[in-house]
Protein backbone atom coordinates (compact mmCIF):
# COMPACT_ATOMS: atom_id res chain seq x y z
CA MET A 1 148.07 -1.39 2.24
CA LEU A 2 145.06 -0.62 4.44
CA LEU A 3 146.42 -2.35 7.55
CA PRO A 4 150.22 -2.13 7.30
CA PRO A 5 151.93 -4.48 9.75
CA ASP A 6 154.46 -1.93 10.99
CA VAL A 7 151.48 0.04 12.33
CA TYR A 8 149.21 -2.73 13.60
CA TYR A 9 151.22 -5.92 14.10
CA GLY A 10 152.56 -4.96 17.52
CA SER A 11 149.08 -4.71 19.06
CA HIS A 12 147.22 -7.08 16.70
CA PRO A 13 149.54 -9.91 15.58
CA SER A 14 146.59 -12.20 14.89
CA TRP A 15 145.55 -9.97 11.98
CA TYR A 16 148.47 -11.36 9.95
CA THR A 17 149.34 -14.73 8.49
CA PRO A 18 151.60 -16.81 10.75
CA ASN A 19 153.64 -17.96 7.75
CA MET A 20 154.79 -14.38 7.23
CA TYR A 21 157.94 -15.22 5.29
CA SER A 22 156.27 -17.28 2.60
CA TYR A 23 154.56 -14.64 0.50
CA GLY A 24 155.45 -11.24 -0.88
CA GLY A 25 153.55 -8.21 0.17
CA TYR A 26 154.85 -5.15 2.00
CA TYR A 27 157.98 -3.21 2.75
CA ASN A 28 158.01 0.14 4.54
CA LYS A 29 161.11 2.09 3.53
CA LYS A 30 160.33 4.93 5.93
CA SER A 31 160.33 2.80 9.07
CA GLY A 32 162.93 0.38 7.82
CA VAL A 33 160.84 -2.55 9.05
CA ASP A 34 160.93 -5.45 6.62
CA TRP A 35 157.48 -7.03 6.43
CA SER A 36 158.11 -8.01 2.84
CA TYR A 37 156.38 -11.36 3.11
CA SER A 38 153.21 -10.72 5.08
CA ASN A 39 149.51 -10.81 4.35
CA LEU A 40 146.34 -10.35 6.33
CA CYS A 41 144.69 -13.40 7.82
CA PHE A 42 140.98 -12.83 7.21
CA ASN A 43 140.15 -15.23 10.04
CA ALA A 44 142.39 -13.31 12.47
CA ASN A 45 143.94 -16.68 13.30
CA GLY A 46 140.59 -17.84 14.70
CA ASN A 47 140.29 -15.04 17.27
CA ASP A 48 136.70 -13.74 16.91
CA ALA A 49 137.24 -10.65 19.09
CA GLU A 50 140.31 -9.65 17.06
CA LEU A 51 138.47 -10.35 13.80
CA SER A 52 135.74 -7.91 14.83
CA LEU A 53 138.32 -5.23 15.62
CA MET A 54 140.09 -5.96 12.34
CA LYS A 55 136.89 -5.47 10.34
CA ASP A 56 136.21 -2.18 12.12
CA GLN A 57 139.66 -0.79 11.40
CA PHE A 58 139.72 -2.14 7.87
CA TYR A 59 136.40 -0.47 7.12
CA LEU A 60 137.53 2.86 8.54
CA ARG A 61 140.68 2.83 6.43
CA LEU A 62 138.79 1.74 3.31
CA LYS A 63 136.15 4.40 3.85
CA GLU A 64 138.82 7.08 4.01
CA GLN A 65 140.05 6.01 0.60
CA LEU A 66 136.59 5.71 -0.95
CA LEU A 67 135.62 9.18 0.22
CA ARG A 68 138.86 10.59 -1.12
CA VAL A 69 138.52 8.93 -4.54
CA THR A 70 134.91 9.30 -5.61
CA ASN A 71 135.18 8.24 -9.26
CA ILE A 72 136.24 4.62 -8.64
CA ASP A 73 133.62 2.16 -7.46
CA ASN A 74 135.21 -1.18 -8.40
CA ILE A 75 137.80 -2.00 -5.73
CA CYS A 76 140.12 -5.01 -5.65
CA ILE A 77 140.97 -6.09 -2.11
CA GLY A 78 144.12 -8.07 -2.86
CA VAL A 79 146.07 -10.42 -0.67
CA GLY A 80 149.44 -8.83 -1.35
CA ASP A 81 151.99 -10.14 -3.80
CA ASN A 82 151.86 -13.90 -3.38
CA ASP A 83 153.76 -14.27 -6.66
CA HIS A 84 156.02 -17.11 -5.57
CA ASP A 85 156.38 -20.73 -6.61
CA HIS A 86 155.82 -21.91 -3.04
CA SER A 87 152.57 -19.99 -2.57
CA SER A 88 150.42 -23.12 -2.46
CA GLU A 89 148.89 -22.04 0.84
CA TYR A 90 147.80 -18.46 1.52
CA CYS A 91 147.57 -18.72 5.31
CA ALA A 92 148.83 -21.56 7.48
CA CYS A 93 146.76 -20.82 10.59
CA GLU A 94 144.45 -23.53 11.90
CA ALA A 95 141.29 -21.57 11.15
CA CYS A 96 142.21 -21.01 7.48
CA ARG A 97 143.33 -24.60 7.01
CA LYS A 98 140.01 -25.74 8.47
CA ASP A 99 138.19 -23.67 5.80
CA GLY A 100 139.86 -25.79 3.14
CA ASN A 101 140.00 -22.95 0.62
CA ALA A 102 141.87 -19.66 1.01
CA ASN A 103 139.03 -17.67 -0.52
CA ILE A 104 136.39 -18.61 2.04
CA SER A 105 137.64 -16.31 4.81
CA ILE A 106 138.37 -13.52 2.30
CA ILE A 107 134.85 -13.71 0.83
CA LYS A 108 133.18 -13.73 4.25
CA PHE A 109 135.25 -10.73 5.24
CA LEU A 110 134.37 -8.81 2.07
CA ASN A 111 130.69 -9.71 2.44
CA GLU A 112 130.67 -7.94 5.81
CA ILE A 113 132.53 -4.91 4.46
CA SER A 114 130.18 -4.69 1.47
CA LYS A 115 127.11 -4.69 3.72
CA ARG A 116 128.58 -1.87 5.79
CA ILE A 117 129.19 0.18 2.64
CA LYS A 118 125.60 -0.32 1.45
CA ASN A 119 124.24 0.74 4.83
CA ASP A 120 126.50 3.77 5.17
CA PRO A 121 124.68 7.05 4.31
CA ASP A 122 128.01 8.55 3.25
CA PHE A 123 127.90 6.28 0.21
CA ALA A 124 124.31 6.96 -0.78
CA GLY A 125 124.05 7.07 -4.56
CA ARG A 126 127.25 5.09 -5.13
CA ASP A 127 127.30 1.51 -6.35
CA ILE A 128 130.52 0.09 -4.92
CA TYR A 129 131.79 -3.40 -5.73
CA LEU A 130 134.58 -5.24 -3.90
CA TYR A 131 136.67 -7.83 -5.73
CA THR A 132 139.06 -10.45 -4.45
CA MET A 133 141.88 -11.59 -6.73
CA ALA A 134 141.96 -15.27 -7.68
CA TYR A 135 145.67 -15.71 -8.23
CA ARG A 136 148.00 -18.58 -7.38
CA ALA A 137 147.12 -19.63 -3.81
CA THR A 138 143.67 -18.03 -4.16
CA GLU A 139 142.93 -19.00 -7.77
CA THR A 140 140.71 -22.01 -7.12
CA ALA A 141 137.05 -21.23 -6.47
CA PRO A 142 135.49 -22.49 -3.23
CA THR A 143 133.14 -25.44 -3.53
CA TYR A 144 129.60 -24.31 -4.28
CA GLY A 145 127.66 -24.19 -1.01
CA SER A 146 130.73 -23.68 1.17
CA VAL A 147 130.27 -19.90 1.06
CA THR A 148 127.97 -17.33 -0.53
CA MET A 149 129.03 -14.04 -2.09
CA ASP A 150 127.27 -10.73 -1.51
CA ASP A 151 125.74 -9.24 -4.67
CA HIS A 152 128.39 -6.49 -4.56
CA VAL A 153 131.34 -8.83 -4.07
CA GLY A 154 133.12 -10.35 -7.05
CA VAL A 155 136.29 -12.02 -8.25
CA TRP A 156 139.20 -10.95 -10.46
CA ILE A 157 140.61 -14.14 -12.01
CA ALA A 158 144.26 -14.43 -13.07
CA PRO A 159 144.44 -17.85 -14.78
CA VAL A 160 148.13 -18.67 -14.48
CA THR A 161 148.79 -21.10 -11.64
CA ASN A 162 147.83 -24.33 -13.33
CA ASP A 163 149.70 -23.69 -16.58
CA THR A 164 146.90 -22.18 -18.63
CA ASN A 165 147.56 -22.97 -22.29
CA TRP A 166 147.22 -19.61 -24.06
CA ALA A 167 147.22 -21.28 -27.46
CA TYR A 168 143.65 -22.39 -26.71
CA PRO A 169 140.55 -20.57 -25.44
CA LEU A 170 140.06 -20.26 -21.69
CA ASN A 171 136.86 -22.29 -21.92
CA ASP A 172 138.48 -25.18 -23.83
CA GLU A 173 137.73 -28.08 -21.49
CA ILE A 174 140.23 -30.38 -23.20
CA ASN A 175 143.32 -28.19 -23.39
CA ASN A 176 142.46 -25.89 -20.46
CA THR A 177 140.56 -28.29 -18.24
CA TYR A 178 141.38 -26.65 -14.89
CA THR A 179 140.89 -23.08 -16.06
CA ALA A 180 137.62 -23.79 -17.88
CA ASN A 181 136.13 -25.59 -14.89
CA ASN A 182 137.45 -23.04 -12.39
CA ILE A 183 135.75 -20.19 -14.26
CA LYS A 184 132.50 -22.15 -14.21
CA ASN A 185 132.85 -22.73 -10.48
CA TRP A 186 133.38 -19.01 -9.81
CA LEU A 187 130.32 -18.22 -11.91
CA LYS A 188 128.26 -20.43 -9.61
CA LEU A 189 129.17 -18.05 -6.79
CA THR A 190 129.00 -14.61 -8.42
CA LYS A 191 128.04 -12.72 -11.56
CA ASN A 192 130.65 -10.08 -10.75
CA ILE A 193 133.67 -11.41 -12.56
CA GLY A 194 136.74 -9.79 -14.08
CA PHE A 195 139.91 -11.18 -15.66
CA TYR A 196 143.62 -10.47 -15.34
CA LEU A 197 145.05 -11.90 -18.55
CA TYR A 198 148.50 -12.16 -20.08
CA ALA A 199 149.77 -10.71 -23.35
CA SER A 200 153.52 -11.34 -23.41
CA ASN A 201 156.08 -14.05 -23.76
CA TYR A 202 157.74 -13.26 -20.44
CA THR A 203 161.05 -15.07 -20.87
CA ARG A 204 161.35 -14.28 -24.58
CA CYS A 205 159.96 -10.77 -24.93
CA PHE A 206 160.73 -10.44 -28.63
CA ALA A 207 158.99 -13.66 -29.59
CA PRO A 208 155.31 -13.72 -30.50
CA LEU A 209 152.92 -15.29 -28.03
CA TYR A 210 151.00 -17.72 -30.16
CA TYR A 211 147.38 -16.83 -29.56
CA PHE A 212 146.27 -14.23 -32.08
CA GLU A 213 143.06 -15.98 -33.11
CA THR A 214 142.52 -17.26 -29.57
CA ILE A 215 142.12 -13.68 -28.32
CA VAL A 216 139.04 -13.32 -30.50
CA LYS A 217 137.55 -16.54 -29.13
CA ASN A 218 138.38 -15.57 -25.53
CA HIS A 219 136.75 -12.15 -25.76
CA LYS A 220 133.61 -13.61 -27.30
CA TYR A 221 133.35 -16.12 -24.45
CA LEU A 222 134.10 -13.53 -21.76
CA SER A 223 131.42 -11.27 -23.24
CA GLN A 224 128.90 -14.12 -23.18
CA ILE A 225 129.47 -14.78 -19.46
CA GLY A 226 129.03 -11.09 -18.59
CA THR A 227 132.63 -10.19 -17.72
CA LYS A 228 132.78 -6.77 -16.03
CA PHE A 229 136.36 -5.84 -16.93
CA ILE A 230 139.60 -7.23 -18.38
CA TYR A 231 143.14 -6.18 -17.56
CA TYR A 232 146.08 -7.32 -19.70
CA CYS A 233 149.53 -7.71 -18.23
CA GLU A 234 152.60 -7.63 -20.44
CA VAL A 235 156.31 -6.97 -20.13
CA SER A 236 157.01 -3.29 -20.69
CA GLU A 237 155.85 -2.29 -24.19
CA ASN A 238 157.91 -4.78 -26.16
CA GLN A 239 155.01 -6.71 -27.56
CA SER A 240 153.70 -3.53 -29.13
CA PHE A 241 156.77 -3.36 -31.35
CA THR A 242 157.88 -6.76 -32.63
CA GLY A 243 156.70 -10.34 -32.99
CA PHE A 244 153.50 -8.87 -34.46
CA GLY A 245 152.60 -7.40 -31.09
CA ALA A 246 150.93 -4.57 -32.98
CA PHE A 247 148.54 -7.08 -34.55
CA LYS A 248 147.86 -8.53 -31.11
CA ASN A 249 147.02 -5.08 -29.75
CA PHE A 250 144.85 -4.38 -32.79
CA ILE A 251 142.87 -7.54 -32.02
CA LEU A 252 142.63 -6.65 -28.32
CA ARG A 253 141.28 -3.16 -28.98
CA HIS A 254 138.66 -4.20 -31.52
CA THR A 255 137.38 -7.31 -29.74
CA ILE A 256 137.05 -5.49 -26.42
CA ILE A 257 134.66 -3.08 -28.17
CA ASN A 258 132.95 -5.65 -30.40
CA ALA A 259 133.19 -9.28 -29.28
CA ASP A 260 131.36 -10.46 -32.41
CA ILE A 261 133.96 -9.22 -34.89
CA THR A 262 135.66 -12.09 -36.74
CA TYR A 263 139.34 -12.92 -36.81
CA GLU A 264 139.23 -12.99 -40.61
CA LYS A 265 138.09 -9.37 -40.78
CA LEU A 266 140.73 -8.21 -38.31
CA TYR A 267 143.43 -10.15 -40.15
CA ASN A 268 142.48 -8.74 -43.56
CA ASP A 269 142.07 -5.17 -42.30
CA PHE A 270 145.39 -5.14 -40.45
CA PHE A 271 147.44 -6.40 -43.41
CA SER A 272 145.54 -4.47 -46.10
CA LEU A 273 147.16 -1.81 -48.32
CA ASN A 274 145.57 0.78 -46.04
CA GLY A 275 146.48 -1.09 -42.88
CA TYR A 276 149.29 -0.98 -40.36
CA TYR A 277 152.14 -1.49 -42.86
CA GLY A 278 150.65 0.55 -45.68
CA GLU A 279 151.57 -0.61 -49.18
CA ALA A 280 153.85 -3.29 -47.67
CA GLY A 281 150.92 -4.96 -45.90
CA PRO A 282 150.63 -8.00 -48.23
CA ARG A 283 154.36 -8.67 -47.92
CA LEU A 284 154.20 -8.60 -44.09
CA LYS A 285 151.07 -10.75 -44.27
CA TYR A 286 153.08 -13.42 -46.10
CA TYR A 287 155.74 -13.32 -43.36
CA PHE A 288 153.11 -13.56 -40.62
CA ASP A 289 151.55 -16.62 -42.27
CA GLU A 290 154.95 -18.28 -42.66
CA LEU A 291 155.85 -17.57 -39.03
CA ILE A 292 152.61 -19.06 -37.72
CA ASP A 293 153.07 -22.15 -39.91
CA ALA A 294 156.62 -22.59 -38.61
CA MET A 295 155.45 -22.31 -35.01
CA GLU A 296 152.73 -24.89 -35.59
CA ASN A 297 155.00 -27.30 -37.48
CA SER A 298 157.68 -27.13 -34.78
CA GLY A 299 155.13 -27.80 -32.06
CA ILE A 300 155.86 -24.48 -30.38
CA GLY A 301 152.39 -23.13 -31.04
CA LYS A 302 150.74 -26.11 -29.44
CA TYR A 303 151.61 -25.08 -25.92
CA GLY A 304 151.19 -21.42 -25.06
CA ASP A 305 152.85 -21.15 -21.64
CA ILE A 306 153.81 -17.52 -20.96
CA TYR A 307 156.98 -18.51 -19.07
CA ASN A 308 158.37 -21.86 -20.16
CA SER A 309 160.46 -22.54 -23.24
CA HIS A 310 157.52 -24.32 -24.84
CA VAL A 311 156.10 -20.95 -25.78
CA PHE A 312 159.02 -20.19 -28.07
CA ASN A 313 162.12 -22.36 -27.98
CA TRP A 314 164.94 -20.55 -29.76
CA SER A 315 166.97 -23.74 -30.25
CA HIS A 316 164.02 -25.34 -32.05
CA PHE A 317 164.05 -22.40 -34.41
CA GLY A 318 167.67 -23.04 -35.38
CA ALA A 319 166.24 -25.27 -38.12
CA TYR A 320 164.37 -22.27 -39.50
CA LEU A 321 167.35 -19.93 -39.85
CA GLY A 322 167.32 -20.35 -43.62
CA SER A 323 163.63 -19.47 -43.73
CA MET A 324 164.18 -16.56 -41.37
CA SER A 325 166.90 -15.15 -43.61
CA PHE A 326 164.48 -15.34 -46.53
CA TRP A 327 161.69 -13.73 -44.47
CA LYS A 328 164.02 -10.89 -43.48
CA GLN A 329 165.11 -10.27 -47.06
CA TYR A 330 161.75 -10.75 -48.73
CA SER A 331 159.37 -9.42 -46.08
CA ILE A 332 161.47 -6.80 -44.29
CA ASP A 333 164.35 -5.53 -46.44
CA GLU A 334 162.35 -5.38 -49.66
CA ALA A 335 159.20 -4.04 -47.97
CA TYR A 336 160.59 -0.52 -47.69
CA SER A 337 160.75 -0.16 -51.47
CA GLU A 338 157.04 -0.88 -51.77
CA LEU A 339 156.09 2.12 -49.66
CA ASP A 340 154.88 5.28 -51.36
CA SER A 341 157.28 8.00 -50.23
CA THR A 342 154.61 10.65 -50.94
CA ASN A 343 152.22 9.03 -48.50
CA PRO A 344 151.83 11.24 -45.35
CA ASN A 345 152.30 8.06 -43.26
CA TYR A 346 155.49 6.99 -45.03
CA GLU A 347 157.80 7.42 -42.01
CA ILE A 348 155.29 5.71 -39.73
CA TYR A 349 155.08 2.68 -42.02
CA LYS A 350 158.88 2.51 -42.18
CA LYS A 351 159.00 2.41 -38.40
CA HIS A 352 156.40 -0.36 -38.31
CA ILE A 353 158.46 -2.47 -40.73
CA LEU A 354 161.65 -1.83 -38.77
CA ALA A 355 159.89 -3.06 -35.63
CA GLU A 356 159.11 -6.42 -37.24
CA SER A 357 162.78 -6.86 -38.11
CA ILE A 358 163.73 -6.93 -34.41
CA PHE A 359 162.44 -10.43 -33.72
CA LEU A 360 164.15 -11.95 -36.79
CA ARG A 361 167.45 -10.22 -36.09
CA TYR A 362 167.40 -11.24 -32.42
CA CYS A 363 166.44 -14.81 -33.24
CA LYS A 364 169.31 -15.01 -35.73
CA TYR A 365 171.83 -13.99 -33.08
CA VAL A 366 170.61 -16.07 -30.14
CA SER A 367 170.24 -19.13 -32.36
CA SER A 368 173.57 -18.94 -34.22
CA GLY A 369 175.80 -16.51 -32.33
CA VAL A 370 176.25 -14.21 -35.31
CA TRP A 371 174.33 -11.26 -36.71
CA TYR A 372 173.08 -10.88 -40.26
CA SER A 373 175.77 -9.49 -42.58
CA ASP A 374 174.07 -6.08 -42.68
CA ASP A 375 173.51 -6.01 -38.92
CA SER A 376 175.49 -5.67 -35.69
CA GLU A 377 174.92 -5.50 -31.96
CA SER A 378 175.29 -1.72 -31.88
CA LYS A 379 172.92 -1.22 -34.83
CA PHE A 380 170.41 -3.58 -33.23
CA LEU A 381 170.53 -1.74 -29.91
CA ASP A 382 170.23 1.64 -31.66
CA ASP A 383 167.14 0.47 -33.55
CA CYS A 384 165.59 -0.88 -30.36
CA GLY A 385 166.27 2.46 -28.69
CA SER A 386 164.59 4.35 -31.53
CA LEU A 387 161.53 2.15 -31.11
CA GLY A 388 161.40 2.47 -27.32
CA ILE A 389 162.13 -1.22 -26.73
CA VAL A 390 163.65 -1.55 -23.26
CA LYS A 391 163.54 -5.22 -22.19
CA ASN A 392 164.30 -8.60 -23.70
CA GLN A 393 163.10 -10.60 -20.68
CA GLU A 394 160.86 -9.93 -17.71
CA GLY A 395 162.75 -7.74 -15.27
CA ILE A 396 165.85 -7.56 -17.50
CA TYR A 397 166.70 -4.41 -19.43
CA LEU A 398 168.05 -4.68 -22.94
CA SER A 399 171.83 -4.32 -23.14
CA SER A 400 174.88 -5.96 -24.66
CA ASP A 401 175.18 -8.19 -21.60
CA SER A 402 171.52 -9.22 -21.53
CA ILE A 403 171.63 -10.17 -25.23
CA ARG A 404 174.72 -12.32 -24.74
CA ASN A 405 173.36 -13.88 -21.54
CA HIS A 406 170.14 -14.76 -23.35
CA LYS A 407 172.16 -16.53 -26.01
CA ASN A 408 174.17 -18.45 -23.40
CA HIS A 409 171.08 -19.71 -21.56
CA LEU A 410 169.02 -21.33 -24.29
């Protein structure tokens, strides 16, 4: 934090939001002062003299960091961790409320800092961009004309507040009306735009997040609008191991490099005999197709919320236990025998197949309360450990207790 409150609050209280215990942000273990819910007020609570001093100190601290780290020229000036359900208002001071949009004061502040950077001879030859994060209380773009953005100021959009439906493209004006229009409104203000996107089912880590083909469409759109960078957030590494997370990551990697590649090519390459599962590729392809069909037929795939039960409702899938048992036997258990044991990648392919068993085995238990006849809790946990799987829910580490609690809270 450039202006930590335990250093500056005593002499400059107006630099901080008056509703200090509404938003997450900062805790200094060394001093023992709990400022865990504070953020900067970029209007300095309407005190112009204090705002000038705040800009001066902010710039000095930022300059120190920029001179120390010379290989990074895209800087996000965040507003702290306002990751709370009640974060509908970033700052409650009269000046910020008068602005009508939390981003207006932040943008004006960054405009001034950006101009100082461009006029500072110490940064000659560097092309430094400052980004504000559009997340929750700051997600909505200001009305066009209410503020202008310097040509080296941009926005990093995290489309989550208004229940973005990840089953559909971000620019789908029917199913993602708010998100699609909000992106357009930001583009009216700046060409410097980045995205903070989501790649996990946060409350059901082992379940697939239904948006494989949508990733391709999103990346094509983001390329067309000149997106500068994309960051994906997911829970631990779980989605790289089961629920076809490996296919998701395969799509992410290839479409980031080539936004014009088709989903059909990615799909066929991934499940080919020379693909991720080796000789068992066609068998895993059958399982993937069946799983997607089941999600669509149950209605689960229609609403891709990364948190709510809509994204993957285990109780809905109780009706598919018979199908899941068949998928496990046909697509997982029998897949090992199709591998060529002389293939140099034999052990790798076995591990990839084992990973896809995790979702089916977990779903069996949390849906019915019993394991498959050839499975057990200890075997399941051992296999997860061998794969490096550490969580089954955001913030909750995989254990006997977390598995049983998950089952009890469907």
